[in-house]
N, C-alpha and C. Protein backbone atom coordinates (compact mmCIF):
# COMPACT_ATOMS: atom_id res chain seq x y z
N MET A 1 -46.75 -85.58 69.24
CA MET A 1 -47.32 -84.46 69.21
C MET A 1 -48.74 -84.63 69.76
N PRO A 2 -49.19 -83.50 71.12
CA PRO A 2 -50.08 -84.42 71.52
C PRO A 2 -51.53 -84.04 70.87
N ARG A 3 -52.37 -84.67 71.65
CA ARG A 3 -53.59 -84.87 70.72
C ARG A 3 -54.53 -83.65 71.13
N PRO A 4 -55.56 -82.99 69.86
CA PRO A 4 -56.43 -82.20 70.13
C PRO A 4 -57.41 -82.53 71.33
N ARG A 5 -58.10 -81.22 72.32
CA ARG A 5 -58.82 -81.85 72.75
C ARG A 5 -60.15 -82.26 72.29
N ARG A 6 -60.99 -83.19 73.06
CA ARG A 6 -62.05 -84.02 72.20
C ARG A 6 -63.01 -82.52 71.35
N GLY A 7 -63.29 -81.49 72.20
CA GLY A 7 -64.03 -80.66 72.05
C GLY A 7 -63.66 -80.03 70.31
N ASP A 8 -62.28 -79.91 70.47
CA ASP A 8 -61.61 -79.62 69.06
C ASP A 8 -62.16 -80.64 67.98
N ASP A 9 -62.09 -82.02 68.52
CA ASP A 9 -62.65 -82.95 67.63
C ASP A 9 -64.17 -82.92 66.91
N VAL A 10 -64.81 -82.66 68.03
CA VAL A 10 -66.15 -82.66 67.67
C VAL A 10 -66.62 -81.34 66.70
N LEU A 11 -66.03 -80.37 67.01
CA LEU A 11 -65.95 -78.92 66.35
C LEU A 11 -65.77 -79.29 65.27
N GLN A 12 -64.61 -79.68 64.72
CA GLN A 12 -63.99 -80.42 63.38
C GLN A 12 -65.15 -80.81 62.56
N ALA A 13 -65.43 -81.81 63.18
CA ALA A 13 -66.68 -82.82 62.94
C ALA A 13 -67.89 -81.67 62.38
N ALA A 14 -68.38 -81.03 63.62
CA ALA A 14 -69.26 -79.87 62.78
C ALA A 14 -68.95 -79.13 61.74
N LEU A 15 -68.02 -78.52 61.57
CA LEU A 15 -67.67 -77.78 60.73
C LEU A 15 -67.82 -78.30 59.29
N GLY A 16 -67.64 -79.51 59.16
CA GLY A 16 -67.67 -80.50 57.88
C GLY A 16 -69.04 -80.69 57.94
N ARG A 17 -69.76 -81.34 59.00
CA ARG A 17 -71.20 -81.69 58.42
C ARG A 17 -71.92 -80.66 58.93
N PHE A 18 -72.20 -79.67 59.16
CA PHE A 18 -73.06 -78.48 59.21
C PHE A 18 -73.06 -77.97 57.99
N TYR A 19 -71.83 -77.80 57.35
CA TYR A 19 -71.95 -76.81 56.03
C TYR A 19 -72.30 -78.09 54.96
N ARG A 20 -71.79 -78.83 54.95
CA ARG A 20 -72.39 -80.14 53.90
C ARG A 20 -73.83 -80.58 53.66
N GLU A 21 -74.18 -81.00 55.15
CA GLU A 21 -75.30 -81.73 55.25
C GLU A 21 -76.47 -80.64 55.64
N GLY A 22 -76.00 -79.77 56.34
CA GLY A 22 -77.18 -78.65 57.06
C GLY A 22 -77.25 -78.90 58.75
N ILE A 23 -77.92 -78.28 59.27
CA ILE A 23 -77.75 -78.17 60.82
C ILE A 23 -78.43 -79.02 61.85
N THR A 24 -79.64 -78.82 61.00
CA THR A 24 -81.07 -79.62 61.34
C THR A 24 -80.71 -81.33 60.86
N ALA A 25 -80.34 -81.40 59.70
CA ALA A 25 -80.13 -82.81 59.23
C ALA A 25 -79.04 -83.55 59.88
N THR A 26 -78.00 -82.69 60.66
CA THR A 26 -76.71 -83.50 61.25
C THR A 26 -77.31 -83.59 62.45
N GLY A 27 -77.29 -84.94 62.87
CA GLY A 27 -77.61 -85.62 64.40
C GLY A 27 -76.11 -85.50 65.09
N VAL A 28 -76.50 -85.86 66.46
CA VAL A 28 -75.39 -85.80 67.32
C VAL A 28 -74.56 -87.24 66.76
N ASP A 29 -75.68 -88.13 66.53
CA ASP A 29 -74.88 -89.48 66.43
C ASP A 29 -73.89 -89.39 65.37
N ALA A 30 -73.98 -88.85 64.25
CA ALA A 30 -72.91 -88.55 63.12
C ALA A 30 -71.80 -87.65 63.54
N LEU A 31 -72.00 -86.66 64.55
CA LEU A 31 -70.95 -86.13 64.92
C LEU A 31 -70.02 -86.86 65.48
N THR A 32 -70.83 -87.46 66.77
CA THR A 32 -69.61 -88.30 68.01
C THR A 32 -69.14 -89.25 66.64
N ALA A 33 -69.69 -90.13 65.96
CA ALA A 33 -68.89 -91.23 65.15
C ALA A 33 -67.64 -90.21 64.44
N ASP A 34 -68.01 -89.21 63.61
CA ASP A 34 -66.89 -88.13 62.76
C ASP A 34 -65.77 -88.39 63.86
N ALA A 35 -66.06 -87.89 65.26
CA ALA A 35 -65.26 -86.99 65.93
C ALA A 35 -64.37 -88.37 66.51
N GLY A 36 -65.06 -89.34 66.90
CA GLY A 36 -64.43 -90.78 67.45
C GLY A 36 -64.79 -90.54 68.76
N ILE A 37 -65.82 -89.95 69.46
CA ILE A 37 -66.00 -89.43 70.69
C ILE A 37 -67.28 -90.14 71.46
N ALA A 38 -67.61 -90.36 72.47
CA ALA A 38 -69.14 -90.67 72.87
C ALA A 38 -69.98 -89.39 73.21
N LYS A 39 -70.96 -89.55 73.09
CA LYS A 39 -72.40 -88.25 73.28
C LYS A 39 -71.86 -87.78 74.43
N MET A 40 -71.50 -88.28 75.34
CA MET A 40 -71.22 -87.57 76.44
C MET A 40 -69.80 -86.67 76.69
N THR A 41 -68.77 -87.17 75.67
CA THR A 41 -68.03 -86.11 75.76
C THR A 41 -68.44 -84.68 75.20
N LEU A 42 -69.46 -85.14 73.60
CA LEU A 42 -69.71 -83.58 73.18
C LEU A 42 -70.57 -83.19 74.14
N TYR A 43 -71.51 -83.62 75.01
CA TYR A 43 -72.05 -82.93 76.03
C TYR A 43 -71.58 -82.00 77.01
N ASN A 44 -70.39 -82.75 77.22
CA ASN A 44 -69.41 -82.20 78.38
C ASN A 44 -68.74 -81.15 77.77
N ASN A 45 -68.48 -80.98 76.67
CA ASN A 45 -67.71 -79.85 76.00
C ASN A 45 -68.58 -78.62 75.48
N PHE A 46 -69.78 -78.94 74.80
CA PHE A 46 -70.77 -78.04 74.81
C PHE A 46 -72.12 -77.88 75.46
N GLY A 47 -72.45 -78.86 76.23
CA GLY A 47 -73.59 -78.42 76.57
C GLY A 47 -74.57 -78.94 75.88
N SER A 48 -74.90 -78.58 74.82
CA SER A 48 -75.88 -79.15 73.97
C SER A 48 -75.71 -78.99 72.43
N LYS A 49 -76.11 -79.59 71.46
CA LYS A 49 -76.09 -79.18 70.30
C LYS A 49 -76.42 -77.72 69.73
N ASP A 50 -77.11 -76.88 70.45
CA ASP A 50 -77.81 -75.51 70.39
C ASP A 50 -76.06 -74.93 70.55
N ASP A 51 -75.38 -75.05 71.68
CA ASP A 51 -74.08 -74.44 72.08
C ASP A 51 -72.97 -75.02 71.25
N LEU A 52 -72.99 -76.67 70.39
CA LEU A 52 -72.04 -76.56 69.31
C LEU A 52 -72.41 -75.78 68.21
N VAL A 53 -73.89 -75.55 67.80
CA VAL A 53 -73.85 -74.84 66.62
C VAL A 53 -73.69 -73.26 66.83
N VAL A 54 -73.14 -72.56 68.10
CA VAL A 54 -72.93 -71.36 68.21
C VAL A 54 -71.51 -71.28 68.24
N ALA A 55 -71.03 -72.53 68.50
CA ALA A 55 -69.33 -72.64 68.34
C ALA A 55 -69.23 -72.87 67.19
N TYR A 56 -69.51 -73.30 66.53
CA TYR A 56 -69.59 -73.46 65.20
C TYR A 56 -69.91 -72.42 64.05
N LEU A 57 -70.56 -71.45 64.25
CA LEU A 57 -70.74 -70.45 63.75
C LEU A 57 -69.78 -69.22 64.47
N ALA A 58 -68.91 -68.99 65.44
CA ALA A 58 -67.98 -68.51 66.11
C ALA A 58 -66.63 -68.79 65.20
N GLU A 59 -66.74 -70.22 65.11
CA GLU A 59 -65.35 -70.48 64.49
C GLU A 59 -65.29 -70.25 63.14
N ARG A 60 -66.58 -70.48 62.52
CA ARG A 60 -66.49 -70.00 60.93
C ARG A 60 -66.33 -68.54 60.88
N ASP A 61 -66.72 -67.51 62.23
CA ASP A 61 -66.52 -65.98 61.86
C ASP A 61 -64.97 -66.00 62.05
N ARG A 62 -64.55 -66.59 62.90
CA ARG A 62 -63.13 -66.48 63.09
C ARG A 62 -62.06 -66.89 62.51
N ARG A 63 -62.48 -67.87 61.51
CA ARG A 63 -61.73 -68.37 60.13
C ARG A 63 -61.91 -67.42 58.96
N PHE A 64 -62.99 -66.54 59.05
CA PHE A 64 -63.65 -65.88 57.86
C PHE A 64 -62.42 -64.57 57.95
N PHE A 65 -62.55 -64.05 59.12
CA PHE A 65 -61.86 -62.54 59.48
C PHE A 65 -60.30 -62.83 59.53
N ALA A 66 -59.95 -63.99 60.03
CA ALA A 66 -58.23 -64.70 60.16
C ALA A 66 -58.15 -64.49 58.00
N GLN A 67 -58.97 -64.97 57.15
CA GLN A 67 -58.58 -64.59 55.68
C GLN A 67 -58.61 -63.64 55.33
N LEU A 68 -59.75 -62.84 55.91
CA LEU A 68 -59.66 -61.38 55.34
C LEU A 68 -58.44 -60.83 55.55
N ASP A 69 -57.98 -60.96 57.04
CA ASP A 69 -56.82 -60.04 57.46
C ASP A 69 -55.61 -60.68 56.53
N ALA A 70 -55.64 -61.47 56.21
CA ALA A 70 -54.44 -62.25 55.76
C ALA A 70 -54.62 -61.62 54.27
N GLU A 71 -55.52 -61.45 53.63
CA GLU A 71 -55.73 -60.98 52.31
C GLU A 71 -55.24 -59.34 52.47
N LEU A 72 -55.90 -59.01 53.48
CA LEU A 72 -55.57 -57.04 53.61
C LEU A 72 -54.11 -56.89 53.73
N ALA A 73 -53.37 -57.92 54.63
CA ALA A 73 -52.02 -57.58 54.83
C ALA A 73 -51.49 -57.68 53.67
N GLN A 74 -51.59 -58.35 52.72
CA GLN A 74 -50.98 -58.12 51.09
C GLN A 74 -51.40 -57.45 50.23
N ARG A 75 -52.45 -56.37 50.62
CA ARG A 75 -52.73 -55.27 49.66
C ARG A 75 -52.28 -54.06 50.32
N ARG A 76 -52.16 -53.33 49.15
CA ARG A 76 -51.67 -51.43 49.85
C ARG A 76 -52.36 -50.42 49.31
N ASP A 77 -52.88 -50.77 48.10
CA ASP A 77 -53.77 -49.72 47.19
C ASP A 77 -55.24 -49.88 47.88
N ALA A 78 -55.51 -48.47 48.16
CA ALA A 78 -57.26 -48.52 48.93
C ALA A 78 -58.15 -49.45 48.04
N LEU A 79 -58.17 -49.11 46.73
CA LEU A 79 -59.12 -49.80 45.96
C LEU A 79 -59.15 -51.41 46.07
N ASP A 80 -57.66 -51.58 45.65
CA ASP A 80 -57.48 -52.94 46.05
C ASP A 80 -58.10 -53.68 47.21
N ARG A 81 -57.49 -52.92 48.52
CA ARG A 81 -57.99 -53.31 49.82
C ARG A 81 -59.82 -53.47 49.98
N ALA A 82 -60.13 -52.64 49.30
CA ALA A 82 -61.95 -52.73 49.66
C ALA A 82 -62.54 -53.72 48.87
N LEU A 83 -61.69 -54.10 47.71
CA LEU A 83 -62.33 -55.36 47.19
C LEU A 83 -62.13 -56.53 47.71
N ALA A 84 -61.31 -56.31 48.76
CA ALA A 84 -60.93 -57.64 49.42
C ALA A 84 -61.98 -58.84 49.74
N PRO A 85 -62.89 -58.05 50.44
CA PRO A 85 -64.25 -59.03 50.42
C PRO A 85 -65.02 -59.57 49.48
N VAL A 86 -64.76 -58.74 48.11
CA VAL A 86 -65.26 -59.45 46.87
C VAL A 86 -64.62 -60.58 46.50
N ASP A 87 -63.04 -60.41 46.42
CA ASP A 87 -62.26 -61.31 46.05
C ASP A 87 -62.18 -62.66 46.94
N LEU A 88 -62.42 -62.40 48.10
CA LEU A 88 -62.29 -63.61 49.02
C LEU A 88 -64.07 -64.27 49.08
N TYR A 89 -64.80 -63.71 48.70
CA TYR A 89 -65.93 -64.23 48.51
C TYR A 89 -65.86 -65.25 47.13
N GLU A 90 -65.61 -64.48 46.06
CA GLU A 90 -65.47 -65.09 44.67
C GLU A 90 -64.42 -66.52 45.07
N ARG A 91 -63.50 -66.47 46.08
CA ARG A 91 -62.59 -67.61 45.85
C ARG A 91 -63.33 -68.75 46.67
N TYR A 92 -63.92 -68.31 47.28
CA TYR A 92 -65.15 -69.46 48.32
C TYR A 92 -66.26 -69.92 46.73
N LEU A 93 -66.24 -69.32 46.33
CA LEU A 93 -67.39 -70.09 45.25
C LEU A 93 -66.53 -70.92 44.05
N HIS A 94 -65.24 -70.85 44.48
CA HIS A 94 -64.85 -71.92 43.23
C HIS A 94 -64.29 -72.99 44.22
N GLU A 95 -64.74 -72.95 45.50
CA GLU A 95 -63.92 -74.40 46.37
C GLU A 95 -65.05 -75.66 45.92
N GLU A 96 -64.29 -76.31 45.97
CA GLU A 96 -65.01 -77.97 46.05
C GLU A 96 -66.21 -78.07 47.01
N GLY A 97 -67.00 -78.16 46.67
CA GLY A 97 -67.97 -78.67 47.62
C GLY A 97 -69.11 -77.37 48.34
N PHE A 98 -68.59 -76.48 47.62
CA PHE A 98 -69.48 -74.89 47.89
C PHE A 98 -70.96 -74.85 47.93
N ARG A 99 -71.52 -74.61 49.00
CA ARG A 99 -72.99 -74.83 49.23
C ARG A 99 -73.42 -73.47 49.80
N GLY A 100 -72.96 -72.34 49.42
CA GLY A 100 -73.52 -70.94 49.72
C GLY A 100 -72.68 -70.45 51.13
N CYS A 101 -73.17 -69.52 51.75
CA CYS A 101 -72.74 -69.07 52.69
C CYS A 101 -72.95 -69.79 53.75
N ALA A 102 -72.46 -70.03 54.80
CA ALA A 102 -72.77 -71.00 55.76
C ALA A 102 -73.47 -70.45 56.78
N PHE A 103 -73.51 -68.73 57.27
CA PHE A 103 -74.30 -68.06 57.88
C PHE A 103 -75.67 -67.98 57.27
N VAL A 104 -75.75 -67.92 55.88
CA VAL A 104 -76.93 -67.83 55.56
C VAL A 104 -77.62 -69.15 55.45
N ASN A 105 -77.01 -70.23 55.31
CA ASN A 105 -77.64 -71.39 55.40
C ASN A 105 -77.97 -71.54 56.67
N ALA A 106 -77.19 -71.06 57.81
CA ALA A 106 -77.62 -71.62 58.97
C ALA A 106 -79.09 -70.38 59.37
N ALA A 107 -79.07 -69.17 59.22
CA ALA A 107 -80.14 -68.61 59.06
C ALA A 107 -81.35 -69.12 58.98
N ALA A 108 -81.51 -69.49 57.62
CA ALA A 108 -82.49 -70.29 57.17
C ALA A 108 -82.92 -71.59 57.99
N GLU A 109 -82.03 -72.06 58.61
CA GLU A 109 -82.24 -73.19 59.40
C GLU A 109 -82.67 -73.05 60.95
N LEU A 110 -82.52 -72.01 61.55
CA LEU A 110 -82.61 -71.94 62.79
C LEU A 110 -83.62 -70.82 62.92
N PRO A 111 -84.46 -71.12 64.62
CA PRO A 111 -85.26 -70.18 64.41
C PRO A 111 -85.14 -69.12 65.12
N ALA A 112 -85.84 -68.03 64.94
CA ALA A 112 -85.54 -66.71 65.20
C ALA A 112 -85.14 -66.74 66.88
N GLU A 113 -85.35 -67.46 67.50
CA GLU A 113 -85.12 -67.64 69.18
C GLU A 113 -83.87 -68.23 69.45
N HIS A 114 -82.94 -68.77 68.27
CA HIS A 114 -81.96 -69.61 68.40
C HIS A 114 -80.72 -68.74 68.66
N PRO A 115 -80.06 -69.00 69.81
CA PRO A 115 -78.55 -68.51 70.31
C PRO A 115 -77.76 -68.21 69.11
N GLY A 116 -77.76 -68.93 67.97
CA GLY A 116 -76.85 -68.92 66.82
C GLY A 116 -77.15 -67.73 66.10
N ARG A 117 -78.61 -67.12 65.96
CA ARG A 117 -78.93 -66.22 64.93
C ARG A 117 -78.45 -64.74 65.41
N GLU A 118 -77.73 -64.77 66.93
CA GLU A 118 -77.24 -63.38 67.32
C GLU A 118 -75.53 -63.33 66.74
N LYS A 119 -74.95 -64.73 66.52
CA LYS A 119 -73.83 -64.94 65.79
C LYS A 119 -73.97 -64.52 64.49
N ILE A 120 -74.84 -64.85 64.00
CA ILE A 120 -75.12 -64.60 62.27
C ILE A 120 -75.08 -62.94 61.92
N SER A 121 -76.12 -62.65 62.77
CA SER A 121 -76.17 -61.09 62.59
C SER A 121 -74.66 -60.48 62.90
N ALA A 122 -74.06 -60.66 64.17
CA ALA A 122 -73.14 -60.31 64.27
C ALA A 122 -71.75 -60.27 63.24
N HIS A 123 -71.88 -61.60 63.24
CA HIS A 123 -71.01 -61.82 61.37
C HIS A 123 -70.94 -60.87 60.57
N LYS A 124 -72.32 -60.37 59.89
CA LYS A 124 -72.62 -59.96 58.81
C LYS A 124 -72.25 -58.39 58.99
N ALA A 125 -73.00 -57.93 60.68
CA ALA A 125 -72.83 -56.55 61.18
C ALA A 125 -70.96 -55.94 60.86
N ARG A 126 -70.36 -57.06 61.08
CA ARG A 126 -68.92 -57.17 61.40
C ARG A 126 -68.37 -56.58 60.05
N LEU A 127 -68.85 -57.47 59.38
CA LEU A 127 -68.17 -57.53 57.78
C LEU A 127 -68.59 -56.50 57.06
N ARG A 128 -69.96 -55.67 57.55
CA ARG A 128 -70.28 -54.39 56.81
C ARG A 128 -69.53 -53.55 57.11
N ASP A 129 -69.22 -53.37 58.40
CA ASP A 129 -68.61 -52.43 59.22
C ASP A 129 -66.98 -52.36 59.07
N ARG A 130 -66.22 -53.34 58.79
CA ARG A 130 -65.03 -53.80 58.10
C ARG A 130 -64.81 -53.21 56.69
N TRP A 131 -65.89 -53.20 55.89
CA TRP A 131 -65.96 -53.01 54.82
C TRP A 131 -66.01 -51.43 54.26
N ALA A 132 -67.21 -51.17 55.18
CA ALA A 132 -67.21 -49.20 55.49
C ALA A 132 -65.77 -48.77 55.70
N ALA A 133 -64.87 -49.20 56.65
CA ALA A 133 -63.86 -48.73 57.30
C ALA A 133 -62.73 -48.53 55.82
N LEU A 134 -62.69 -49.64 54.81
CA LEU A 134 -61.98 -49.89 53.96
C LEU A 134 -62.48 -48.96 52.45
N ILE A 135 -63.86 -49.00 52.65
CA ILE A 135 -64.49 -48.12 51.66
C ILE A 135 -63.97 -46.55 52.17
N ALA A 136 -64.10 -46.48 53.57
CA ALA A 136 -64.04 -44.95 54.02
C ALA A 136 -62.39 -44.37 53.35
N ASP A 137 -61.67 -45.38 53.01
CA ASP A 137 -60.12 -44.54 52.84
C ASP A 137 -60.30 -44.65 51.18
N LEU A 138 -61.01 -44.42 50.36
CA LEU A 138 -61.45 -44.04 48.83
C LEU A 138 -62.25 -42.65 48.94
N ASP A 139 -62.45 -42.27 50.11
CA ASP A 139 -63.08 -41.17 50.22
C ASP A 139 -64.51 -40.74 49.57
N VAL A 140 -65.02 -41.71 49.77
CA VAL A 140 -66.91 -42.24 49.16
C VAL A 140 -67.32 -41.56 50.30
N ALA A 141 -68.31 -40.58 49.75
CA ALA A 141 -69.07 -39.48 50.53
C ALA A 141 -69.62 -40.49 51.56
N ASP A 142 -70.27 -41.31 51.60
CA ASP A 142 -71.30 -41.97 52.83
C ASP A 142 -70.86 -43.51 52.62
N ALA A 143 -69.56 -43.77 53.41
CA ALA A 143 -68.92 -45.54 53.14
C ALA A 143 -69.74 -46.06 53.76
N SER A 144 -70.60 -45.66 55.02
CA SER A 144 -71.67 -46.89 55.51
C SER A 144 -72.49 -47.00 54.27
N GLN A 145 -73.17 -46.33 53.79
CA GLN A 145 -74.20 -46.75 53.09
C GLN A 145 -73.66 -47.23 51.90
N THR A 146 -72.30 -47.24 51.26
CA THR A 146 -72.03 -47.79 50.15
C THR A 146 -71.41 -49.36 50.59
N ALA A 147 -71.13 -49.31 51.75
CA ALA A 147 -70.54 -50.78 52.19
C ALA A 147 -72.04 -51.88 52.44
N ARG A 148 -73.16 -51.11 52.69
CA ARG A 148 -74.40 -51.96 53.07
C ARG A 148 -74.84 -51.94 51.58
N ALA A 149 -74.69 -51.29 50.44
CA ALA A 149 -75.11 -51.79 49.30
C ALA A 149 -74.18 -52.46 48.71
N CYS A 150 -73.37 -52.58 48.76
CA CYS A 150 -71.97 -53.47 48.62
C CYS A 150 -72.23 -54.70 49.26
N LEU A 151 -72.56 -54.98 50.39
CA LEU A 151 -72.80 -56.17 50.81
C LEU A 151 -74.19 -56.81 50.60
N CYS A 152 -75.08 -56.31 50.04
CA CYS A 152 -76.16 -56.51 49.77
C CYS A 152 -76.05 -57.33 48.47
N LEU A 153 -75.30 -56.50 47.79
CA LEU A 153 -74.85 -56.80 46.26
C LEU A 153 -74.07 -58.38 46.26
N LEU A 154 -73.17 -58.45 47.15
CA LEU A 154 -72.16 -59.54 47.53
C LEU A 154 -73.12 -60.52 48.03
N GLU A 155 -73.71 -60.57 48.65
CA GLU A 155 -74.42 -61.83 49.65
C GLU A 155 -75.43 -62.21 48.35
N GLY A 156 -76.22 -61.33 47.51
CA GLY A 156 -76.79 -61.57 46.33
C GLY A 156 -76.31 -62.82 45.50
N ALA A 157 -75.15 -62.26 45.35
CA ALA A 157 -74.41 -62.74 44.04
C ALA A 157 -73.81 -64.04 44.74
N TYR A 158 -73.35 -64.14 45.80
CA TYR A 158 -72.91 -65.48 46.68
C TYR A 158 -74.14 -66.60 46.59
N VAL A 159 -75.38 -65.93 46.83
CA VAL A 159 -76.52 -66.76 46.73
C VAL A 159 -76.70 -67.45 45.49
N LEU A 160 -76.59 -66.60 44.68
CA LEU A 160 -76.99 -67.15 42.90
C LEU A 160 -75.31 -68.19 42.42
N GLY A 161 -74.70 -67.78 43.32
CA GLY A 161 -73.53 -68.48 42.60
C GLY A 161 -73.56 -69.87 43.38
N GLY A 162 -73.92 -69.82 44.70
CA GLY A 162 -74.63 -71.43 45.27
C GLY A 162 -75.65 -72.21 44.42
N LEU A 163 -76.49 -71.18 43.93
CA LEU A 163 -77.56 -72.02 43.15
C LEU A 163 -77.25 -72.43 41.62
N GLN A 164 -76.53 -71.41 41.17
CA GLN A 164 -76.25 -71.53 39.68
C GLN A 164 -75.07 -72.11 39.44
N HIS A 165 -73.92 -71.96 40.59
CA HIS A 165 -72.55 -72.56 39.93
C HIS A 165 -71.92 -71.56 38.92
N VAL A 166 -72.47 -70.35 39.08
CA VAL A 166 -71.65 -69.89 38.23
C VAL A 166 -71.48 -68.44 38.76
N VAL A 167 -69.94 -68.21 38.23
CA VAL A 167 -69.19 -66.96 38.85
C VAL A 167 -69.08 -65.86 37.86
N SER A 168 -69.57 -64.65 38.22
CA SER A 168 -69.12 -63.56 37.27
C SER A 168 -68.33 -62.56 38.13
N PRO A 169 -66.86 -62.11 37.62
CA PRO A 169 -66.21 -61.63 38.43
C PRO A 169 -66.42 -60.08 38.57
N ALA A 170 -67.27 -59.71 37.65
CA ALA A 170 -67.68 -58.22 37.23
C ALA A 170 -68.88 -57.68 37.85
N TRP A 171 -69.53 -58.67 38.73
CA TRP A 171 -70.66 -58.40 39.21
C TRP A 171 -70.42 -57.48 40.82
N SER A 172 -71.13 -56.99 41.41
CA SER A 172 -71.51 -56.38 42.79
C SER A 172 -70.18 -55.47 43.11
N GLY A 173 -69.99 -55.59 44.02
CA GLY A 173 -68.82 -54.99 44.81
C GLY A 173 -67.98 -54.19 43.80
N HIS A 174 -67.48 -54.70 42.55
CA HIS A 174 -66.42 -54.14 41.61
C HIS A 174 -67.29 -53.12 40.84
N ALA A 175 -68.65 -53.12 40.94
CA ALA A 175 -69.45 -52.25 40.17
C ALA A 175 -70.00 -51.07 40.87
N GLN A 176 -69.70 -51.46 42.47
CA GLN A 176 -70.36 -50.30 42.91
C GLN A 176 -69.05 -49.02 43.56
N LEU A 177 -68.17 -49.79 43.74
CA LEU A 177 -66.78 -48.86 44.25
C LEU A 177 -66.20 -48.22 43.07
N PRO A 178 -65.78 -46.58 43.26
CA PRO A 178 -65.45 -46.26 42.28
C PRO A 178 -63.99 -46.56 42.08
N GLY A 179 -63.29 -45.80 40.80
CA GLY A 179 -61.88 -46.36 40.61
C GLY A 179 -61.65 -46.94 39.18
């Protein structure tokens, strides 16, 4: 079996370290040690740590929407489909090592001018828009506004879940959607 590209190795290391320990707390030395590569290999593949952070956020986004798409592929009922983001977030809350939303965590660490901030905003906007499309299938008067409200509640519940390690399935999105 061929060995993955070295860039993939360091991205895998970043996926673990950035989430577990934080972006600013994770140094290039730790990432290169985890990936078993030289620093120059990291810079040849990503240019800078900032570029690696952008790649990390892009990969988190790709994985999230792949999981959401897989979840939606198993659901036929419109209400059940509209609740898929809630159920996916709730599943994350139960994962070992859960530390909250990777995008919210990154937003708390990155300065406003960091290129990763655009990825964070784009991820949340994409989720809101996908959710609005799912909610529209419920014949809600203003699916866009309902999606915004549900996303605010979902994000708040996710933050509280990370802080308190308590999950209540009766929260937020389930309470907002008709049915």
